[in-house]
Structures are given as structure tokens and as C-alpha cells.
């Protein structure tokens, strides 16, 4: 059975290679997720240059992951690799939208389409945090602009009526965005009414002070 032994040795060698690739991919995926999360935190603090630096580190690892798994498509399409791409897409899109820029596309940031779409939806969730920060700062007009962006994201995601096997659960992400959007509309309405009330009280006070 010398031939069988040779066959098994060959299979074992290939599986050893695949396992090393898997371990390498796991490490890179964790690093991508960590850099992406830190970039989002920097974005919310208004530290845009730091957010860009962190995104650059994440991008290097996204590209490295793609190159490392060229011969291991089965590993490349596993959940943790695609999740890392999604987190990177979320961070990249969040930074752009908070800065009032156009979002980067999937080819620009080198992520798969399903990961990009889900990252776009998650970015809309991050925009709610920015939206609430704007309301607390009294920047109602800018908050209204952010809400319009969130609305555009939801409308865009709602057009992708494909099976979950293709979109990696995009319907759930779109449902999340819809819920965030509805709550944000209510928050904006309350803020506008508060602003109008304060303006009305200010006018009344001015008129009272003007009476001799």
C-alpha cells in the first residue's frame, strides 16, 4: 500500500498548508476588525486624520488577506473573512459620510459586494450616533442632512431583493436601518419642535422687553 501512503502524505501536506493559511487569515481578520472599530471611534471623536491612519492599516491587511488566500478560496469565503471586510467597509463609509463626502465603492476599498452592502447598512447605524451628537450640539440643520443620507442608504439597500445566500443576510441589515431611520425621524421632529418653541419664546421675550 505504498501508493496509498503517498496519496495520504500528499493530502496531509495540502491540509497542513490550508491550516496555516486559515490561522494566518484568522489573525489578519481580527486585526482588520480591531483597526476598523478604532477608526470608527476616532471618526465619532472628530479625529479624522487618526481614523484615516487606522483605515490605512486595515486596508493593508484586507489586501494581504486577499493575496494570502488566492489558493484557498474555501477559506476566503468563510464568515470571518467576509465579516472583516464588512467591518472595514463600515469604517470606510462611516468616515466618508460623517465628513460629508461621497462613500467609497467596493472596488475602491477592495471588498466583496455582499460585505460592502452590509457594511453600508452598518454605517447607517453609526450615522445615528453622529446624528444624535449633532442634535445634542444644537446642529439641527446638519442632523437633518445626515438623516437624508441615512434615508438614501435605506432606499438603496431596499432595492437588492436577492436570496440571503448572495447578500449574506442583507435583509436583516436593511430592517435594522429602517428601524434606526424611524427612530431618528422621531428624534428630529422633536428637536425641530423644541427649536421652534425656543424661537417663539425668544420673540415673546424680545417683544416684552420692547414695551416701554
Protein backbone atom coordinates (compact mmCIF):
# COMPACT_ATOMS: atom_id res chain seq x y z
CA UNK A 1 0.00 0.00 0.00
CA UNK A 2 2.92 2.30 -0.72
CA UNK A 3 0.82 4.29 -3.18
CA UNK A 4 -1.91 4.91 -0.57
CA UNK A 5 0.72 6.19 1.84
CA UNK A 6 1.99 8.59 -0.81
CA UNK A 7 -1.55 9.77 -1.50
CA UNK A 8 -2.24 10.39 2.18
CA UNK A 9 1.09 12.18 2.63
CA UNK A 10 0.16 14.48 -0.26
CA UNK A 11 -3.29 15.16 1.17
CA UNK A 12 -1.79 15.83 4.60
CA UNK A 13 0.71 18.30 3.15
CA UNK A 14 -2.06 20.21 1.38
CA UNK A 15 -4.20 20.23 4.53
CA UNK A 16 -1.22 21.49 6.55
CA UNK A 17 -0.86 24.34 4.06
CA UNK A 18 -4.57 25.11 4.25
CA UNK A 19 -4.49 25.09 8.05
CA UNK A 20 -1.58 27.52 8.11
CA UNK A 21 -3.47 29.75 5.70
CA UNK A 22 -6.54 29.55 7.93
CA UNK A 23 -4.60 30.55 11.04
CA UNK A 24 -3.00 33.43 9.15
CA UNK A 25 -6.40 34.55 7.86
CA UNK A 26 -7.90 34.45 11.36
CA UNK A 27 -5.14 36.67 12.68
CA UNK A 28 -5.48 39.19 9.86
CA UNK A 29 -9.28 39.22 10.20
CA UNK A 30 -9.05 40.05 13.90
CA UNK A 31 -6.60 42.86 13.17
CA UNK A 32 -8.85 44.29 10.45
CA UNK A 33 -11.84 44.31 12.79
CA UNK A 34 -9.83 45.95 15.55
CA UNK A 35 -8.44 48.69 13.28
CA UNK A 36 -11.90 49.30 11.78
CA UNK A 37 -13.54 49.63 15.21
CA UNK A 38 -10.84 52.05 16.39
CA UNK A 39 -11.24 54.06 13.19
CA UNK A 40 -14.98 54.42 13.80
CA UNK A 41 -14.33 55.60 17.35
CA UNK A 42 -11.84 58.17 16.05
CA UNK A 43 -14.39 59.33 13.47
CA UNK A 44 -17.02 59.95 16.15
CA UNK A 45 -14.47 61.94 18.14
CA UNK A 46 -13.78 64.09 15.08
CA UNK A 47 -10.21 62.75 14.83
CA UNK A 48 -10.39 62.23 11.09
CA UNK A 49 -6.65 62.02 10.42
CA UNK A 50 -6.29 59.29 13.02
CA UNK A 51 -9.30 57.49 11.54
CA UNK A 52 -7.58 57.56 8.14
CA UNK A 53 -4.34 56.17 9.59
CA UNK A 54 -6.24 53.29 11.17
CA UNK A 55 -8.13 52.64 7.94
CA UNK A 56 -4.83 52.51 6.07
CA UNK A 57 -3.63 49.80 8.45
CA UNK A 58 -6.86 47.88 7.96
CA UNK A 59 -6.67 48.25 4.18
CA UNK A 60 -3.16 46.78 4.10
CA UNK A 61 -4.46 43.72 5.91
CA UNK A 62 -7.53 43.42 3.68
CA UNK A 63 -5.25 43.33 0.66
CA UNK A 64 -2.89 40.93 2.43
CA UNK A 65 -5.78 38.64 3.23
CA UNK A 66 -6.87 38.53 -0.39
CA UNK A 67 -3.35 37.75 -1.57
CA UNK A 68 -2.75 35.11 1.11
CA UNK A 69 -5.92 33.22 0.20
CA UNK A 70 -5.60 33.20 -3.58
CA UNK A 71 -5.07 29.44 -3.48
CA UNK A 72 -7.63 28.85 -0.72
CA UNK A 73 -10.98 30.08 -2.00
CA UNK A 74 -12.83 27.98 0.58
CA UNK A 75 -11.18 29.90 3.40
CA UNK A 76 -11.54 33.27 1.64
CA UNK A 77 -15.32 32.88 1.52
CA UNK A 78 -15.67 31.87 5.16
CA UNK A 79 -17.71 34.03 7.51
CA UNK A 80 -14.83 35.54 9.46
CA UNK A 81 -13.03 36.80 6.35
CA UNK A 82 -16.20 38.36 4.94
CA UNK A 83 -17.08 39.81 8.35
CA UNK A 84 -13.68 41.51 8.45
CA UNK A 85 -14.34 43.00 5.01
CA UNK A 86 -17.76 44.18 6.19
CA UNK A 87 -16.25 45.92 9.23
CA UNK A 88 -13.64 47.59 7.04
CA UNK A 89 -16.32 48.75 4.61
CA UNK A 90 -18.40 50.10 7.52
CA UNK A 91 -15.48 52.12 8.89
CA UNK A 92 -14.51 53.46 5.44
CA UNK A 93 -18.06 54.51 4.59
CA UNK A 94 -18.72 55.99 8.03
CA UNK A 95 -15.67 58.24 7.83
CA UNK A 96 -16.63 59.47 4.36
CA UNK A 97 -20.27 60.19 5.23
CA UNK A 98 -19.52 61.92 8.52
CA UNK A 99 -17.10 64.17 6.65
CA UNK A 100 -19.78 64.97 4.08
CA UNK A 101 -18.02 63.09 1.30
CA UNK A 102 -19.24 60.53 -1.22
CA UNK A 103 -18.85 56.95 0.04
CA UNK A 104 -16.12 54.76 -1.49
CA UNK A 105 -17.25 51.87 -3.67
CA UNK A 106 -16.48 48.17 -3.14
CA UNK A 107 -13.81 48.08 -5.83
CA UNK A 108 -12.13 51.15 -4.35
CA UNK A 109 -11.74 49.52 -0.94
CA UNK A 110 -11.35 46.01 -2.40
CA UNK A 111 -14.13 44.17 -0.60
CA UNK A 112 -16.76 41.77 -1.91
CA UNK A 113 -20.17 43.13 -2.85
CA UNK A 114 -22.18 41.43 -0.11
CA UNK A 115 -19.68 42.57 2.52
CA UNK A 116 -19.87 46.08 1.12
CA UNK A 117 -23.68 46.24 1.19
CA UNK A 118 -23.85 45.01 4.77
CA UNK A 119 -21.06 47.40 5.73
CA UNK A 120 -23.07 50.23 4.15
CA UNK A 121 -26.06 49.30 6.27
CA UNK A 122 -23.95 49.15 9.42
CA UNK A 123 -22.52 52.57 8.54
CA UNK A 124 -26.06 53.95 8.52
CA UNK A 125 -26.38 52.66 12.07
CA UNK A 126 -23.19 54.52 13.00
CA UNK A 127 -24.63 57.64 11.42
CA UNK A 128 -27.41 57.58 14.01
CA UNK A 129 -24.80 58.10 16.72
CA UNK A 130 -23.40 61.06 14.77
CA UNK A 131 -26.95 62.31 14.19
CA UNK A 132 -27.69 62.28 17.93
CA UNK A 133 -24.40 64.03 18.68
CA UNK A 134 -25.43 66.78 16.25
CA UNK A 135 -28.83 67.16 17.88
CA UNK A 136 -27.24 67.44 21.31
CA UNK A 137 -24.93 70.13 19.93
CA UNK A 138 -27.92 72.04 18.55
CA UNK A 139 -26.89 71.46 14.93
CA UNK A 140 -30.37 70.55 13.76
CA UNK A 141 -29.83 71.50 10.11
CA UNK A 142 -26.76 69.26 9.80
CA UNK A 143 -28.60 66.47 11.62
CA UNK A 144 -31.35 66.76 9.02
CA UNK A 145 -28.76 66.32 6.27
CA UNK A 146 -27.41 63.20 7.96
CA UNK A 147 -30.94 61.82 8.23
CA UNK A 148 -31.35 62.36 4.48
CA UNK A 149 -28.17 60.32 3.89
CA UNK A 150 -29.49 57.52 6.09
CA UNK A 151 -32.73 57.62 4.09
CA UNK A 152 -30.77 57.29 0.84
CA UNK A 153 -28.86 54.31 2.22
CA UNK A 154 -32.06 52.52 3.22
CA UNK A 155 -33.75 53.23 -0.12
CA UNK A 156 -30.70 51.86 -1.91
CA UNK A 157 -30.43 48.71 0.17
CA UNK A 158 -34.15 48.01 -0.23
CA UNK A 159 -33.65 47.56 -3.99
CA UNK A 160 -31.46 44.46 -3.50
CA UNK A 161 -34.08 41.75 -3.49
CA UNK A 162 -31.82 38.72 -3.73
CA UNK A 163 -31.55 35.50 -1.69
CA UNK A 164 -29.64 35.71 1.58
CA UNK A 165 -27.11 33.25 0.15
CA UNK A 166 -25.99 36.01 -2.22
CA UNK A 167 -26.33 39.01 0.09
CA UNK A 168 -25.16 37.46 3.40
CA UNK A 169 -28.31 38.41 5.28
CA UNK A 170 -28.77 41.90 3.82
CA UNK A 171 -32.49 41.88 4.60
CA UNK A 172 -31.74 41.84 8.32
CA UNK A 173 -29.32 44.71 7.89
CA UNK A 174 -31.90 46.68 5.87
CA UNK A 175 -34.51 46.06 8.58
CA UNK A 176 -32.08 47.42 11.15
CA UNK A 177 -31.52 50.55 9.05
CA UNK A 178 -35.28 51.05 8.70
CA UNK A 179 -35.72 50.89 12.48
CA UNK A 180 -32.85 53.34 13.03
CA UNK A 181 -34.33 55.65 10.42
CA UNK A 182 -37.78 55.68 12.00
CA UNK A 183 -36.39 56.47 15.46
CA UNK A 184 -34.19 59.20 14.03
CA UNK A 185 -37.12 60.83 12.26
CA UNK A 186 -38.95 60.99 15.57
CA UNK A 187 -35.90 62.49 17.27
CA UNK A 188 -35.52 65.10 14.54
CA UNK A 189 -39.19 66.07 14.73
CA UNK A 190 -38.91 66.56 18.49
CA UNK A 191 -35.74 68.63 18.07
CA UNK A 192 -37.31 70.88 15.44
CA UNK A 193 -40.36 71.46 17.61
CA UNK A 194 -38.12 72.30 20.55
CA UNK A 195 -36.17 74.71 18.38
CA UNK A 196 -39.39 76.34 17.18
CA UNK A 197 -40.66 76.66 20.75
CA UNK A 198 -37.43 78.27 21.89
CA UNK A 199 -37.58 80.71 18.98
CA UNK A 200 -41.19 81.59 19.80
CA UNK A 201 -40.28 82.18 23.46
CA UNK A 202 -37.34 84.33 22.39
CA UNK A 203 -39.61 86.51 20.23
CA UNK A 204 -42.11 86.89 23.06
CA UNK A 205 -39.31 87.90 25.40
CA UNK A 206 -37.98 90.44 22.89
CA UNK A 207 -41.46 91.92 22.44
CA UNK A 208 -41.93 92.13 26.21
CA UNK A 209 -38.61 93.91 26.62
CA UNK A 210 -39.51 96.33 23.82
CA UNK A 211 -42.72 97.50 25.60
CA UNK A 212 -41.99 100.82 27.44
